[in-house]
Amino acid sequence: MDIMLIFVFVIAAFLGVELISKVPSQLHTPLMSGTNAISGITVVGAISITAMAVTVGGRMGQILGFLAIVFATVNVIGGYMVTDRMLGMFKKKGDKK
């Protein structure tokens, strides 16, 4: 079972690298926005799983759930910062907004 999970992880990593390397620069900003929306769903899922771990009383589940909330939140905030910076590259030089 563990070998199969490692295999799926490795294949997903290779597939992710291949897909991201093939994305043209014009589509990168919309792709980031979609990824941020998925990461927002991840935050909601992490919160609900952490709440269930608190109810059940599993200490390891609480710790992993908290870490999942932190990492997913950092991912969302960082994604929006990168998207904002990329959109700023398309503004005219005289436009301050």
PDB file of N, CA and C in Angstrom:
ATOM      1  N   MET A   1       0.826  -1.197   0.000  1.00  0.00           N
ATOM      2  CA  MET A   1       0.000   0.000   0.000  1.00  0.00           C
ATOM      3  C   MET A   1       0.862   1.249   0.000  1.00  0.00           C
ATOM      4  N   ASP A   2       1.914   1.252   0.822  1.00  0.00           N
ATOM      5  CA  ASP A   2       2.776   2.430   0.888  1.00  0.00           C
ATOM      6  C   ASP A   2       3.509   2.654  -0.424  1.00  0.00           C
ATOM      7  N   ILE A   3       3.901   1.581  -1.094  1.00  0.00           N
ATOM      8  CA  ILE A   3       4.591   1.691  -2.377  1.00  0.00           C
ATOM      9  C   ILE A   3       3.669   2.340  -3.403  1.00  0.00           C
ATOM     10  N   MET A   4       2.397   1.970  -3.370  1.00  0.00           N
ATOM     11  CA  MET A   4       1.437   2.543  -4.325  1.00  0.00           C
ATOM     12  C   MET A   4       1.250   4.034  -4.075  1.00  0.00           C
ATOM     13  N   LEU A   5       1.190   4.455  -2.818  1.00  0.00           N
ATOM     14  CA  LEU A   5       1.053   5.872  -2.505  1.00  0.00           C
ATOM     15  C   LEU A   5       2.278   6.667  -2.954  1.00  0.00           C
ATOM     16  N   ILE A   6       3.463   6.105  -2.750  1.00  0.00           N
ATOM     17  CA  ILE A   6       4.690   6.765  -3.198  1.00  0.00           C
ATOM     18  C   ILE A   6       4.702   6.859  -4.718  1.00  0.00           C
ATOM     19  N   PHE A   7       4.271   5.796  -5.393  1.00  0.00           N
ATOM     20  CA  PHE A   7       4.201   5.791  -6.853  1.00  0.00           C
ATOM     21  C   PHE A   7       3.264   6.885  -7.361  1.00  0.00           C
ATOM     22  N   VAL A   8       2.093   7.009  -6.761  1.00  0.00           N
ATOM     23  CA  VAL A   8       1.136   8.042  -7.169  1.00  0.00           C
ATOM     24  C   VAL A   8       1.719   9.436  -6.925  1.00  0.00           C
ATOM     25  N   PHE A   9       2.399   9.622  -5.799  1.00  0.00           N
ATOM     26  CA  PHE A   9       3.020  10.915  -5.504  1.00  0.00           C
ATOM     27  C   PHE A   9       4.079  11.273  -6.542  1.00  0.00           C
ATOM     28  N   VAL A  10       4.931  10.319  -6.885  1.00  0.00           N
ATOM     29  CA  VAL A  10       6.001  10.574  -7.865  1.00  0.00           C
ATOM     30  C   VAL A  10       5.404  10.882  -9.238  1.00  0.00           C
ATOM     31  N   ILE A  11       4.432  10.124  -9.669  1.00  0.00           N
ATOM     32  CA  ILE A  11       3.789  10.374 -10.963  1.00  0.00           C
ATOM     33  C   ILE A  11       3.109  11.743 -10.965  1.00  0.00           C
ATOM     34  N   ALA A  12       2.443  12.115  -9.873  1.00  0.00           N
ATOM     35  CA  ALA A  12       1.789  13.424  -9.788  1.00  0.00           C
ATOM     36  C   ALA A  12       2.823  14.553  -9.834  1.00  0.00           C
ATOM     37  N   ALA A  13       3.963  14.351  -9.194  1.00  0.00           N
ATOM     38  CA  ALA A  13       5.013  15.378  -9.226  1.00  0.00           C
ATOM     39  C   ALA A  13       5.541  15.568 -10.640  1.00  0.00           C
ATOM     40  N   PHE A  14       5.834  14.470 -11.337  1.00  0.00           N
ATOM     41  CA  PHE A  14       6.314  14.580 -12.716  1.00  0.00           C
ATOM     42  C   PHE A  14       5.264  15.216 -13.624  1.00  0.00           C
ATOM     43  N   LEU A  15       4.019  14.828 -13.458  1.00  0.00           N
ATOM     44  CA  LEU A  15       2.939  15.392 -14.263  1.00  0.00           C
ATOM     45  C   LEU A  15       2.783  16.885 -13.997  1.00  0.00           C
ATOM     46  N   GLY A  16       2.880  17.285 -12.730  1.00  0.00           N
ATOM     47  CA  GLY A  16       2.782  18.698 -12.388  1.00  0.00           C
ATOM     48  C   GLY A  16       3.887  19.521 -13.017  1.00  0.00           C
ATOM     49  N   VAL A  17       5.110  19.013 -12.983  1.00  0.00           N
ATOM     50  CA  VAL A  17       6.236  19.726 -13.595  1.00  0.00           C
ATOM     51  C   VAL A  17       6.035  19.846 -15.097  1.00  0.00           C
ATOM     52  N   GLU A  18       5.598  18.783 -15.741  1.00  0.00           N
ATOM     53  CA  GLU A  18       5.363  18.817 -17.181  1.00  0.00           C
ATOM     54  C   GLU A  18       4.261  19.811 -17.549  1.00  0.00           C
ATOM     55  N   LEU A  19       3.176  19.797 -16.792  1.00  0.00           N
ATOM     56  CA  LEU A  19       2.063  20.701 -17.103  1.00  0.00           C
ATOM     57  C   LEU A  19       2.448  22.161 -16.905  1.00  0.00           C
ATOM     58  N   ILE A  20       3.108  22.478 -15.816  1.00  0.00           N
ATOM     59  CA  ILE A  20       3.477  23.862 -15.537  1.00  0.00           C
ATOM     60  C   ILE A  20       4.492  24.368 -16.551  1.00  0.00           C
ATOM     61  N   SER A  21       5.406  23.516 -16.989  1.00  0.00           N
ATOM     62  CA  SER A  21       6.416  23.959 -17.955  1.00  0.00           C
ATOM     63  C   SER A  21       5.815  24.231 -19.330  1.00  0.00           C
ATOM     64  N   LYS A  22       4.647  23.665 -19.614  1.00  0.00           N
ATOM     65  CA  LYS A  22       4.004  23.851 -20.922  1.00  0.00           C
ATOM     66  C   LYS A  22       3.013  25.019 -20.952  1.00  0.00           C
ATOM     67  N   VAL A  23       2.772  25.668 -19.823  1.00  0.00           N
ATOM     68  CA  VAL A  23       1.793  26.757 -19.780  1.00  0.00           C
ATOM     69  C   VAL A  23       2.413  28.024 -20.352  1.00  0.00           C
ATOM     70  N   PRO A  24       1.771  28.620 -21.369  1.00  0.00           N
ATOM     71  CA  PRO A  24       2.306  29.881 -21.901  1.00  0.00           C
ATOM     72  C   PRO A  24       2.150  31.019 -20.883  1.00  0.00           C
ATOM     73  N   SER A  25       2.989  32.026 -21.001  1.00  0.00           N
ATOM     74  CA  SER A  25       2.989  33.114 -20.018  1.00  0.00           C
ATOM     75  C   SER A  25       1.672  33.890 -20.004  1.00  0.00           C
ATOM     76  N   GLN A  26       0.948  33.937 -21.124  1.00  0.00           N
ATOM     77  CA  GLN A  26      -0.325  34.655 -21.163  1.00  0.00           C
ATOM     78  C   GLN A  26      -1.390  33.972 -20.302  1.00  0.00           C
ATOM     79  N   LEU A  27      -1.254  32.687 -20.107  1.00  0.00           N
ATOM     80  CA  LEU A  27      -2.256  31.952 -19.329  1.00  0.00           C
ATOM     81  C   LEU A  27      -1.843  31.750 -17.875  1.00  0.00           C
ATOM     82  N   HIS A  28      -0.667  32.207 -17.513  1.00  0.00           N
ATOM     83  CA  HIS A  28      -0.177  31.927 -16.171  1.00  0.00           C
ATOM     84  C   HIS A  28      -1.010  32.624 -15.097  1.00  0.00           C
ATOM     85  N   THR A  29      -1.387  33.884 -15.323  1.00  0.00           N
ATOM     86  CA  THR A  29      -2.166  34.629 -14.329  1.00  0.00           C
ATOM     87  C   THR A  29      -3.557  34.022 -14.116  1.00  0.00           C
ATOM     88  N   PRO A  30      -4.311  33.702 -15.178  1.00  0.00           N
ATOM     89  CA  PRO A  30      -5.608  33.042 -14.923  1.00  0.00           C
ATOM     90  C   PRO A  30      -5.452  31.678 -14.254  1.00  0.00           C
ATOM     91  N   LEU A  31      -4.385  30.965 -14.584  1.00  0.00           N
ATOM     92  CA  LEU A  31      -4.149  29.675 -13.956  1.00  0.00           C
ATOM     93  C   LEU A  31      -3.873  29.844 -12.462  1.00  0.00           C
ATOM     94  N   MET A  32      -3.107  30.874 -12.100  1.00  0.00           N
ATOM     95  CA  MET A  32      -2.831  31.145 -10.690  1.00  0.00           C
ATOM     96  C   MET A  32      -4.115  31.486  -9.941  1.00  0.00           C
ATOM     97  N   SER A  33      -5.006  32.251 -10.577  1.00  0.00           N
ATOM     98  CA  SER A  33      -6.265  32.598  -9.920  1.00  0.00           C
ATOM     99  C   SER A  33      -7.106  31.358  -9.654  1.00  0.00           C
ATOM    100  N   GLY A  34      -7.133  30.456 -10.612  1.00  0.00           N
ATOM    101  CA  GLY A  34      -7.868  29.200 -10.404  1.00  0.00           C
ATOM    102  C   GLY A  34      -7.245  28.355  -9.312  1.00  0.00           C
ATOM    103  N   THR A  35      -5.924  28.338  -9.267  1.00  0.00           N
ATOM    104  CA  THR A  35      -5.225  27.579  -8.235  1.00  0.00           C
ATOM    105  C   THR A  35      -5.493  28.175  -6.860  1.00  0.00           C
ATOM    106  N   ASN A  36      -5.584  29.497  -6.771  1.00  0.00           N
ATOM    107  CA  ASN A  36      -5.894  30.136  -5.493  1.00  0.00           C
ATOM    108  C   ASN A  36      -7.285  29.751  -5.014  1.00  0.00           C
ATOM    109  N   ALA A  37      -8.226  29.625  -5.938  1.00  0.00           N
ATOM    110  CA  ALA A  37      -9.576  29.214  -5.551  1.00  0.00           C
ATOM    111  C   ALA A  37      -9.557  27.788  -4.998  1.00  0.00           C
ATOM    112  N   ILE A  38      -8.776  26.911  -5.620  1.00  0.00           N
ATOM    113  CA  ILE A  38      -8.665  25.533  -5.126  1.00  0.00           C
ATOM    114  C   ILE A  38      -8.000  25.522  -3.754  1.00  0.00           C
ATOM    115  N   SER A  39      -6.996  26.365  -3.566  1.00  0.00           N
ATOM    116  CA  SER A  39      -6.323  26.435  -2.264  1.00  0.00           C
ATOM    117  C   SER A  39      -7.267  26.953  -1.191  1.00  0.00           C
ATOM    118  N   GLY A  40      -8.182  27.840  -1.550  1.00  0.00           N
ATOM    119  CA  GLY A  40      -9.187  28.302  -0.598  1.00  0.00           C
ATOM    120  C   GLY A  40     -10.080  27.166  -0.139  1.00  0.00           C
ATOM    121  N   ILE A  41     -10.416  26.271  -1.054  1.00  0.00           N
ATOM    122  CA  ILE A  41     -11.206  25.097  -0.694  1.00  0.00           C
ATOM    123  C   ILE A  41     -10.397  24.196   0.240  1.00  0.00           C
ATOM    124  N   THR A  42      -9.082  24.142   0.013  1.00  0.00           N
ATOM    125  CA  THR A  42      -8.209  23.349   0.870  1.00  0.00           C
ATOM    126  C   THR A  42      -8.217  23.884   2.298  1.00  0.00           C
ATOM    127  N   VAL A  43      -8.263  25.208   2.447  1.00  0.00           N
ATOM    128  CA  VAL A  43      -8.321  25.805   3.791  1.00  0.00           C
ATOM    129  C   VAL A  43      -9.606  25.374   4.497  1.00  0.00           C
ATOM    130  N   VAL A  44     -10.715  25.410   3.783  1.00  0.00           N
ATOM    131  CA  VAL A  44     -11.998  25.009   4.377  1.00  0.00           C
ATOM    132  C   VAL A  44     -11.957  23.529   4.774  1.00  0.00           C
ATOM    133  N   GLY A  45     -11.387  22.688   3.912  1.00  0.00           N
ATOM    134  CA  GLY A  45     -11.263  21.269   4.238  1.00  0.00           C
ATOM    135  C   GLY A  45     -10.368  21.032   5.446  1.00  0.00           C
ATOM    136  N   ALA A  46      -9.257  21.772   5.520  1.00  0.00           N
ATOM    137  CA  ALA A  46      -8.343  21.618   6.661  1.00  0.00           C
ATOM    138  C   ALA A  46      -9.015  22.042   7.963  1.00  0.00           C
ATOM    139  N   ILE A  47      -9.812  23.103   7.902  1.00  0.00           N
ATOM    140  CA  ILE A  47     -10.522  23.550   9.103  1.00  0.00           C
ATOM    141  C   ILE A  47     -11.534  22.496   9.558  1.00  0.00           C
ATOM    142  N   SER A  48     -12.259  21.922   8.609  1.00  0.00           N
ATOM    143  CA  SER A  48     -13.273  20.926   8.998  1.00  0.00           C
ATOM    144  C   SER A  48     -12.632  19.654   9.535  1.00  0.00           C
ATOM    145  N   ILE A  49     -11.526  19.227   8.945  1.00  0.00           N
ATOM    146  CA  ILE A  49     -10.846  18.030   9.449  1.00  0.00           C
ATOM    147  C   ILE A  49     -10.237  18.292  10.819  1.00  0.00           C
ATOM    148  N   THR A  50      -9.689  19.484  11.023  1.00  0.00           N
ATOM    149  CA  THR A  50      -9.132  19.828  12.331  1.00  0.00           C
ATOM    150  C   THR A  50     -10.231  19.867  13.388  1.00  0.00           C
ATOM    151  N   ALA A  51     -11.385  20.387  13.033  1.00  0.00           N
ATOM    152  CA  ALA A  51     -12.503  20.411  13.976  1.00  0.00           C
ATOM    153  C   ALA A  51     -12.925  18.994  14.347  1.00  0.00           C
ATOM    154  N   MET A  52     -12.901  18.087  13.384  1.00  0.00           N
ATOM    155  CA  MET A  52     -13.256  16.704  13.676  1.00  0.00           C
ATOM    156  C   MET A  52     -12.195  16.060  14.570  1.00  0.00           C
ATOM    157  N   ALA A  53     -10.915  16.388  14.335  1.00  0.00           N
ATOM    158  CA  ALA A  53      -9.842  15.837  15.172  1.00  0.00           C
ATOM    159  C   ALA A  53      -9.952  16.359  16.602  1.00  0.00           C
ATOM    160  N   VAL A  54     -10.368  17.614  16.759  1.00  0.00           N
ATOM    161  CA  VAL A  54     -10.550  18.173  18.108  1.00  0.00           C
ATOM    162  C   VAL A  54     -11.699  17.457  18.811  1.00  0.00           C
ATOM    163  N   THR A  55     -12.769  17.168  18.081  1.00  0.00           N
ATOM    164  CA  THR A  55     -13.916  16.475  18.656  1.00  0.00           C
ATOM    165  C   THR A  55     -13.551  15.058  19.089  1.00  0.00           C
ATOM    166  N   VAL A  56     -12.813  14.363  18.252  1.00  0.00           N
ATOM    167  CA  VAL A  56     -12.428  12.982  18.552  1.00  0.00           C
ATOM    168  C   VAL A  56     -11.359  12.946  19.635  1.00  0.00           C
ATOM    169  N   GLY A  57     -10.489  13.930  19.636  1.00  0.00           N
ATOM    170  CA  GLY A  57      -9.468  13.997  20.668  1.00  0.00           C
ATOM    171  C   GLY A  57      -8.107  13.470  20.251  1.00  0.00           C
ATOM    172  N   GLY A  58      -7.896  13.248  18.960  1.00  0.00           N
ATOM    173  CA  GLY A  58      -6.597  12.779  18.501  1.00  0.00           C
ATOM    174  C   GLY A  58      -5.584  13.914  18.454  1.00  0.00           C
ATOM    175  N   ARG A  59      -4.547  13.804  19.265  1.00  0.00           N
ATOM    176  CA  ARG A  59      -3.548  14.881  19.362  1.00  0.00           C
ATOM    177  C   ARG A  59      -2.775  15.047  18.049  1.00  0.00           C
ATOM    178  N   MET A  60      -2.390  13.924  17.430  1.00  0.00           N
ATOM    179  CA  MET A  60      -1.641  13.998  16.174  1.00  0.00           C
ATOM    180  C   MET A  60      -2.503  14.587  15.071  1.00  0.00           C
ATOM    181  N   GLY A  61      -3.773  14.251  15.044  1.00  0.00           N
ATOM    182  CA  GLY A  61      -4.689  14.824  14.062  1.00  0.00           C
ATOM    183  C   GLY A  61      -4.842  16.321  14.234  1.00  0.00           C
ATOM    184  N   GLN A  62      -4.862  16.772  15.487  1.00  0.00           N
ATOM    185  CA  GLN A  62      -4.953  18.211  15.750  1.00  0.00           C
ATOM    186  C   GLN A  62      -3.710  18.940  15.253  1.00  0.00           C
ATOM    187  N   ILE A  63      -2.546  18.364  15.494  1.00  0.00           N
ATOM    188  CA  ILE A  63      -1.294  18.993  15.062  1.00  0.00           C
ATOM    189  C   ILE A  63      -1.214  19.031  13.536  1.00  0.00           C
ATOM    190  N   LEU A  64      -1.514  17.898  12.895  1.00  0.00           N
ATOM    191  CA  LEU A  64      -1.476  17.862  11.429  1.00  0.00           C
ATOM    192  C   LEU A  64      -2.536  18.775  10.819  1.00  0.00           C
ATOM    193  N   GLY A  65      -3.700  18.836  11.434  1.00  0.00           N
ATOM    194  CA  GLY A  65      -4.741  19.734  10.945  1.00  0.00           C
ATOM    195  C   GLY A  65      -4.337  21.190  11.052  1.00  0.00           C
ATOM    196  N   PHE A  66      -3.710  21.556  12.173  1.00  0.00           N
ATOM    197  CA  PHE A  66      -3.235  22.929  12.339  1.00  0.00           C
ATOM    198  C   PHE A  66      -2.180  23.265  11.288  1.00  0.00           C
ATOM    199  N   LEU A  67      -1.261  22.333  11.061  1.00  0.00           N
ATOM    200  CA  LEU A  67      -0.238  22.558  10.036  1.00  0.00           C
ATOM    201  C   LEU A  67      -0.865  22.681   8.644  1.00  0.00           C
ATOM    202  N   ALA A  68      -1.888  21.888   8.384  1.00  0.00           N
ATOM    203  CA  ALA A  68      -2.579  21.971   7.096  1.00  0.00           C
ATOM    204  C   ALA A  68      -3.245  23.328   6.923  1.00  0.00           C
ATOM    205  N   ILE A  69      -3.849  23.845   7.984  1.00  0.00           N
ATOM    206  CA  ILE A  69      -4.465  25.172   7.913  1.00  0.00           C
ATOM    207  C   ILE A  69      -3.411  26.239   7.643  1.00  0.00           C
ATOM    208  N   VAL A  70      -2.293  26.163   8.354  1.00  0.00           N
ATOM    209  CA  VAL A  70      -1.228  27.159   8.194  1.00  0.00           C
ATOM    210  C   VAL A  70      -0.662  27.115   6.778  1.00  0.00           C
ATOM    211  N   PHE A  71      -0.310  25.922   6.288  1.00  0.00           N
ATOM    212  CA  PHE A  71       0.293  25.815   4.962  1.00  0.00           C
ATOM    213  C   PHE A  71      -0.676  26.215   3.856  1.00  0.00           C
ATOM    214  N   ALA A  72      -1.937  25.837   3.968  1.00  0.00           N
ATOM    215  CA  ALA A  72      -2.918  26.203   2.950  1.00  0.00           C
ATOM    216  C   ALA A  72      -3.159  27.709   2.951  1.00  0.00           C
ATOM    217  N   THR A  73      -3.171  28.330   4.131  1.00  0.00           N
ATOM    218  CA  THR A  73      -3.354  29.782   4.212  1.00  0.00           C
ATOM    219  C   THR A  73      -2.163  30.516   3.614  1.00  0.00           C
ATOM    220  N   VAL A  74      -0.959  30.038   3.913  1.00  0.00           N
ATOM    221  CA  VAL A  74       0.234  30.644   3.318  1.00  0.00           C
ATOM    222  C   VAL A  74       0.196  30.502   1.800  1.00  0.00           C
ATOM    223  N   ASN A  75      -0.268  29.363   1.320  1.00  0.00           N
ATOM    224  CA  ASN A  75      -0.368  29.136  -0.120  1.00  0.00           C
ATOM    225  C   ASN A  75      -1.354  30.111  -0.770  1.00  0.00           C
ATOM    226  N   VAL A  76      -2.495  30.330  -0.130  1.00  0.00           N
ATOM    227  CA  VAL A  76      -3.485  31.255  -0.677  1.00  0.00           C
ATOM    228  C   VAL A  76      -2.943  32.685  -0.691  1.00  0.00           C
ATOM    229  N   ILE A  77      -2.379  33.126   0.413  1.00  0.00           N
ATOM    230  CA  ILE A  77      -1.871  34.498   0.500  1.00  0.00           C
ATOM    231  C   ILE A  77      -0.729  34.707  -0.489  1.00  0.00           C
ATOM    232  N   GLY A  78       0.202  33.759  -0.536  1.00  0.00           N
ATOM    233  CA  GLY A  78       1.319  33.870  -1.476  1.00  0.00           C
ATOM    234  C   GLY A  78       0.852  33.846  -2.917  1.00  0.00           C
ATOM    235  N   GLY A  79      -0.141  33.026  -3.210  1.00  0.00           N
ATOM    236  CA  GLY A  79      -0.673  32.971  -4.572  1.00  0.00           C
ATOM    237  C   GLY A  79      -1.300  34.286  -5.003  1.00  0.00           C
ATOM    238  N   TYR A  80      -2.056  34.910  -4.096  1.00  0.00           N
ATOM    239  CA  TYR A  80      -2.649  36.195  -4.449  1.00  0.00           C
ATOM    240  C   TYR A  80      -1.588  37.289  -4.567  1.00  0.00           C
ATOM    241  N   MET A  81      -0.536  37.202  -3.775  1.00  0.00           N
ATOM    242  CA  MET A  81       0.543  38.186  -3.890  1.00  0.00           C
ATOM    243  C   MET A  81       1.260  38.053  -5.241  1.00  0.00           C
ATOM    244  N   VAL A  82       1.513  36.821  -5.645  1.00  0.00           N
ATOM    245  CA  VAL A  82       2.163  36.590  -6.943  1.00  0.00           C
ATOM    246  C   VAL A  82       1.248  37.028  -8.082  1.00  0.00           C
ATOM    247  N   THR A  83      -0.043  36.717  -7.984  1.00  0.00           N
ATOM    248  CA  THR A  83      -0.985  37.125  -9.021  1.00  0.00           C
ATOM    249  C   THR A  83      -1.059  38.640  -9.122  1.00  0.00           C
ATOM    250  N   ASP A  84      -1.097  39.328  -7.983  1.00  0.00           N
ATOM    251  CA  ASP A  84      -1.135  40.786  -7.985  1.00  0.00           C
ATOM    252  C   ASP A  84       0.129  41.364  -8.622  1.00  0.00           C
ATOM    253  N   ARG A  85       1.243  40.760  -8.317  1.00  0.00           N
ATOM    254  CA  ARG A  85       2.503  41.241  -8.893  1.00  0.00           C
ATOM    255  C   ARG A  85       2.536  41.019 -10.403  1.00  0.00           C
ATOM    256  N   MET A  86       2.029  39.875 -10.843  1.00  0.00           N
ATOM    257  CA  MET A  86       1.994  39.611 -12.287  1.00  0.00           C
ATOM    258  C   MET A  86       1.041  40.560 -12.996  1.00  0.00           C
ATOM    259  N   LEU A  87      -0.100  40.825 -12.384  1.00  0.00           N
ATOM    260  CA  LEU A  87      -1.033  41.774 -12.996  1.00  0.00           C
ATOM    261  C   LEU A  87      -0.448  43.174 -13.024  1.00  0.00           C
ATOM    262  N   GLY A  88       0.378  43.511 -12.044  1.00  0.00           N
ATOM    263  CA  GLY A  88       1.050  44.812 -12.030  1.00  0.00           C
ATOM    264  C   GLY A  88       2.016  44.971 -13.185  1.00  0.00           C
ATOM    265  N   MET A  89       2.521  43.889 -13.712  1.00  0.00           N
ATOM    266  CA  MET A  89       3.434  43.958 -14.850  1.00  0.00           C
ATOM    267  C   MET A  89       2.722  44.402 -16.120  1.00  0.00           C
ATOM    268  N   PHE A  90       1.401  44.251 -16.176  1.00  0.00           N
ATOM    269  CA  PHE A  90       0.641  44.610 -17.371  1.00  0.00           C
ATOM    270  C   PHE A  90       0.122  46.045 -17.325  1.00  0.00           C
ATOM    271  N   LYS A  91       0.337  46.740 -16.196  1.00  0.00           N
ATOM    272  CA  LYS A  91      -0.121  48.127 -16.083  1.00  0.00           C
ATOM    273  C   LYS A  91       0.850  49.055 -16.811  1.00  0.00           C
ATOM    274  N   LYS A  92       0.305  50.183 -17.246  1.00  0.00           N
ATOM    275  CA  LYS A  92       1.135  51.182 -17.895  1.00  0.00           C
ATOM    276  C   LYS A  92       2.031  51.845 -16.859  1.00  0.00           C
ATOM    277  N   LYS A  93       3.140  52.385 -17.280  1.00  0.00           N
ATOM    278  CA  LYS A  93       4.104  52.979 -16.347  1.00  0.00           C
ATOM    279  C   LYS A  93       3.530  54.185 -15.630  1.00  0.00           C
ATOM    280  N   GLY A  94       2.668  54.974 -16.258  1.00  0.00           N
ATOM    281  CA  GLY A  94       2.097  56.156 -15.638  1.00  0.00           C
ATOM    282  C   GLY A  94       0.942  55.859 -14.688  1.00  0.00           C
ATOM    283  N   ASP A  95       0.384  54.662 -14.772  1.00  0.00           N
ATOM    284  CA  ASP A  95      -0.753  54.278 -13.949  1.00  0.00           C
ATOM    285  C   ASP A  95      -0.284  53.836 -12.577  1.00  0.00           C
ATOM    286  N   LYS A  96      -0.622  54.578 -11.512  1.00  0.00           N
ATOM    287  CA  LYS A  96      -0.169  54.287 -10.148  1.00  0.00           C
ATOM    288  C   LYS A  96      -1.068  53.290  -9.437  1.00  0.00           C
ATOM    289  N   LYS A  97      -2.316  53.097  -9.877  1.00  0.00           N
ATOM    290  CA  LYS A  97      -3.279  52.238  -9.172  1.00  0.00           C
ATOM    291  C   LYS A  97      -2.961  50.833  -9.337  1.00  0.00           C
TER     292      LYS A  97
END
